[in-house]
Protein backbone atom coordinates (compact mmCIF):
# COMPACT_ATOMS: atom_id res chain seq x y z
CA MET A 1 13.29 8.22 -75.95
CA LEU A 2 13.59 11.11 -78.40
CA LEU A 3 14.79 8.66 -81.05
CA VAL A 4 11.63 6.58 -80.57
CA ILE A 5 9.45 9.68 -80.96
CA LYS A 6 11.34 10.75 -84.09
CA LEU A 7 11.05 7.24 -85.55
CA ALA A 8 7.31 7.10 -84.81
CA TRP A 9 6.87 10.57 -86.36
CA TRP A 10 8.71 9.44 -89.49
CA VAL A 11 6.71 6.20 -89.76
CA LEU A 12 3.39 8.01 -89.25
CA GLU A 13 4.27 10.85 -91.63
CA PRO A 14 1.60 9.95 -94.21
CA MET A 15 -1.03 10.09 -91.45
CA HIS A 16 0.08 13.31 -89.72
CA SER A 17 -3.17 15.10 -90.49
CA LEU A 18 -5.20 12.18 -89.08
CA VAL A 19 -3.07 12.10 -85.94
CA VAL A 20 -3.54 15.86 -85.42
CA VAL A 21 -7.30 15.56 -86.01
CA TYR A 22 -7.46 12.67 -83.52
CA ILE A 23 -5.56 14.64 -80.86
CA VAL A 24 -7.74 17.74 -81.32
CA ALA A 25 -10.96 15.70 -81.32
CA HIS A 26 -9.87 13.81 -78.22
CA ALA A 27 -9.12 17.08 -76.41
CA GLY A 28 -12.52 18.44 -77.47
CA VAL A 29 -14.33 15.38 -76.17
CA ARG A 30 -12.45 15.59 -72.87
CA LEU A 31 -13.37 19.27 -72.48
CA TYR A 32 -17.02 18.54 -73.29
CA ALA A 33 -17.12 15.66 -70.80
CA THR A 34 -15.56 17.81 -68.08
CA ALA A 35 -18.07 20.61 -68.72
CA ALA A 36 -20.98 18.14 -68.72
CA ASN A 37 -19.77 16.65 -65.43
CA ALA A 38 -19.50 20.07 -63.83
CA ARG A 39 -22.98 20.98 -65.05
CA ALA A 40 -24.41 17.72 -63.70
CA LYS A 41 -22.87 18.44 -60.29
CA VAL A 42 -24.34 21.95 -60.22
CA LEU A 43 -27.78 20.70 -61.24
CA SER A 44 -27.58 17.96 -58.63
CA LYS A 45 -26.73 20.49 -55.92
CA GLN A 46 -29.56 22.77 -57.05
CA ALA A 47 -32.02 19.86 -56.92
CA GLU A 48 -30.74 18.95 -53.46
CA VAL A 49 -31.26 22.51 -52.21
CA TYR A 50 -34.72 22.63 -53.79
CA ARG A 51 -35.69 19.33 -52.16
CA GLY A 52 -34.36 20.60 -48.83
CA ARG A 53 -36.46 23.74 -49.04
CA ARG A 54 -39.59 21.78 -49.95
CA GLY A 55 -38.99 19.37 -47.09
CA ARG A 56 -38.93 22.16 -44.50
CA GLY A 57 -42.14 23.80 -45.73
């Protein structure tokens, strides 16, 4: 397995900077998506609570 990784690293050597940029960008997108999901859940709960309060009044 390590040999395969070393071979892939050697083959992709000219593109190392692109690979690193891709990995960092992918991680950034994942973090942003996770944060957006969490925010959507919070807003949804807040709207639910608001609707519940209006319904009782």
